Amino acid sequence: MAQTSSDATAQSTPTSDTKLVVTQVRSTIGVKANQRATLKSLGLRKIRQTVERDDTPQIRGMIHTVRHLVTVEEVGS
């Protein structure tokens, strides 16, 4: 069964009230440059620093890149 464009849009658009709390738990010493840049883009620069980001596919992809350096919690606002 084929999906209509409205179904595809509804599935790819996250709810606006879901947030992700991202905490850096490991050092960037010895990691690749793109992983350092990803942490910087997320707003993380120190161990145990926490930021709150919207739950979007772009943020999820960034978290996937540095998943070994961070912990993630979902919170509804």
C-alpha atoms as a PDB file:
ATOM      1  CA  MET A   1       0.000   0.000   0.000  1.00  0.00           C
ATOM      2  CA  ALA A   2       1.474   3.353  -1.019  1.00  0.00           C
ATOM      3  CA  GLN A   3       1.662   6.232   1.429  1.00  0.00           C
ATOM      4  CA  THR A   4       0.264   9.593   0.558  1.00  0.00           C
ATOM      5  CA  SER A   5       2.456  12.652   0.928  1.00  0.00           C
ATOM      6  CA  SER A   6       0.571  13.751   4.045  1.00  0.00           C
ATOM      7  CA  ASP A   7       1.311  10.393   5.731  1.00  0.00           C
ATOM      8  CA  ALA A   8       5.016  10.667   4.923  1.00  0.00           C
ATOM      9  CA  THR A   9       5.128  14.234   6.251  1.00  0.00           C
ATOM     10  CA  ALA A  10       3.371  13.259   9.465  1.00  0.00           C
ATOM     11  CA  GLN A  11       5.849  10.450  10.096  1.00  0.00           C
ATOM     12  CA  SER A  12       8.982  12.490   9.452  1.00  0.00           C
ATOM     13  CA  THR A  13       7.886  15.519  11.496  1.00  0.00           C
ATOM     14  CA  PRO A  14       8.602  15.034  15.212  1.00  0.00           C
ATOM     15  CA  THR A  15       6.315  16.426  17.844  1.00  0.00           C
ATOM     16  CA  SER A  16       7.306  19.921  18.878  1.00  0.00           C
ATOM     17  CA  ASP A  17       6.922  19.224  22.588  1.00  0.00           C
ATOM     18  CA  THR A  18       9.560  16.457  22.734  1.00  0.00           C
ATOM     19  CA  LYS A  19      13.016  17.539  23.852  1.00  0.00           C
ATOM     20  CA  LEU A  20      16.284  15.665  24.161  1.00  0.00           C
ATOM     21  CA  VAL A  21      18.619  16.282  27.086  1.00  0.00           C
ATOM     22  CA  VAL A  22      22.153  15.541  25.882  1.00  0.00           C
ATOM     23  CA  THR A  23      25.032  15.236  28.350  1.00  0.00           C
ATOM     24  CA  GLN A  24      28.687  14.839  27.404  1.00  0.00           C
ATOM     25  CA  VAL A  25      30.174  12.008  29.458  1.00  0.00           C
ATOM     26  CA  ARG A  26      33.509  11.345  27.722  1.00  0.00           C
ATOM     27  CA  SER A  27      36.462  13.458  26.641  1.00  0.00           C
ATOM     28  CA  THR A  28      37.155  14.505  23.064  1.00  0.00           C
ATOM     29  CA  ILE A  29      40.834  13.613  23.362  1.00  0.00           C
ATOM     30  CA  GLY A  30      41.666  11.138  20.629  1.00  0.00           C
ATOM     31  CA  VAL A  31      38.380  11.384  18.740  1.00  0.00           C
ATOM     32  CA  LYS A  32      38.021  12.316  15.075  1.00  0.00           C
ATOM     33  CA  ALA A  33      37.716  15.955  14.041  1.00  0.00           C
ATOM     34  CA  ASN A  34      34.164  15.502  12.736  1.00  0.00           C
ATOM     35  CA  GLN A  35      33.075  14.160  16.136  1.00  0.00           C
ATOM     36  CA  ARG A  36      34.608  17.181  17.889  1.00  0.00           C
ATOM     37  CA  ALA A  37      32.784  19.456  15.451  1.00  0.00           C
ATOM     38  CA  THR A  38      29.524  17.621  16.076  1.00  0.00           C
ATOM     39  CA  LEU A  39      29.832  18.084  19.845  1.00  0.00           C
ATOM     40  CA  LYS A  40      30.535  21.774  19.293  1.00  0.00           C
ATOM     41  CA  SER A  41      27.466  22.042  17.043  1.00  0.00           C
ATOM     42  CA  LEU A  42      25.361  20.434  19.754  1.00  0.00           C
ATOM     43  CA  GLY A  43      26.679  23.061  22.178  1.00  0.00           C
ATOM     44  CA  LEU A  44      28.809  20.724  24.259  1.00  0.00           C
ATOM     45  CA  ARG A  45      32.374  21.579  25.240  1.00  0.00           C
ATOM     46  CA  LYS A  46      32.958  20.132  28.724  1.00  0.00           C
ATOM     47  CA  ILE A  47      32.424  16.764  30.352  1.00  0.00           C
ATOM     48  CA  ARG A  48      29.139  16.634  32.317  1.00  0.00           C
ATOM     49  CA  GLN A  49      27.802  19.665  30.437  1.00  0.00           C
ATOM     50  CA  THR A  50      24.127  19.264  29.547  1.00  0.00           C
ATOM     51  CA  VAL A  51      22.103  20.888  26.772  1.00  0.00           C
ATOM     52  CA  GLU A  52      18.456  20.602  25.779  1.00  0.00           C
ATOM     53  CA  ARG A  53      17.659  20.265  22.074  1.00  0.00           C
ATOM     54  CA  ASP A  54      14.489  19.757  20.038  1.00  0.00           C
ATOM     55  CA  ASP A  55      13.874  16.201  18.868  1.00  0.00           C
ATOM     56  CA  THR A  56      14.523  16.490  15.122  1.00  0.00           C
ATOM     57  CA  PRO A  57      16.048  14.071  12.631  1.00  0.00           C
ATOM     58  CA  GLN A  58      19.072  16.371  12.278  1.00  0.00           C
ATOM     59  CA  ILE A  59      19.774  16.351  16.027  1.00  0.00           C
ATOM     60  CA  ARG A  60      19.230  12.577  16.151  1.00  0.00           C
ATOM     61  CA  GLY A  61      21.842  12.164  13.394  1.00  0.00           C
ATOM     62  CA  MET A  62      24.317  14.341  15.281  1.00  0.00           C
ATOM     63  CA  ILE A  63      23.757  12.315  18.438  1.00  0.00           C
ATOM     64  CA  HIS A  64      24.276   9.107  16.463  1.00  0.00           C
ATOM     65  CA  THR A  65      27.686  10.408  15.336  1.00  0.00           C
ATOM     66  CA  VAL A  66      28.853  10.945  18.939  1.00  0.00           C
ATOM     67  CA  ARG A  67      26.758   8.288  20.678  1.00  0.00           C
ATOM     68  CA  HIS A  68      29.830   6.888  22.480  1.00  0.00           C
ATOM     69  CA  LEU A  69      30.602  10.302  24.034  1.00  0.00           C
ATOM     70  CA  VAL A  70      27.152  11.360  25.253  1.00  0.00           C
ATOM     71  CA  THR A  71      24.058  10.178  27.100  1.00  0.00           C
ATOM     72  CA  VAL A  72      20.590  11.135  25.922  1.00  0.00           C
ATOM     73  CA  GLU A  73      17.262  11.416  27.749  1.00  0.00           C
ATOM     74  CA  GLU A  74      13.880  12.218  26.221  1.00  0.00           C
ATOM     75  CA  VAL A  75      11.704  14.692  28.065  1.00  0.00           C
ATOM     76  CA  GLY A  76       8.304  16.111  27.151  1.00  0.00           C
ATOM     77  CA  SER A  77       7.884  19.804  27.761  1.00  0.00           C
END
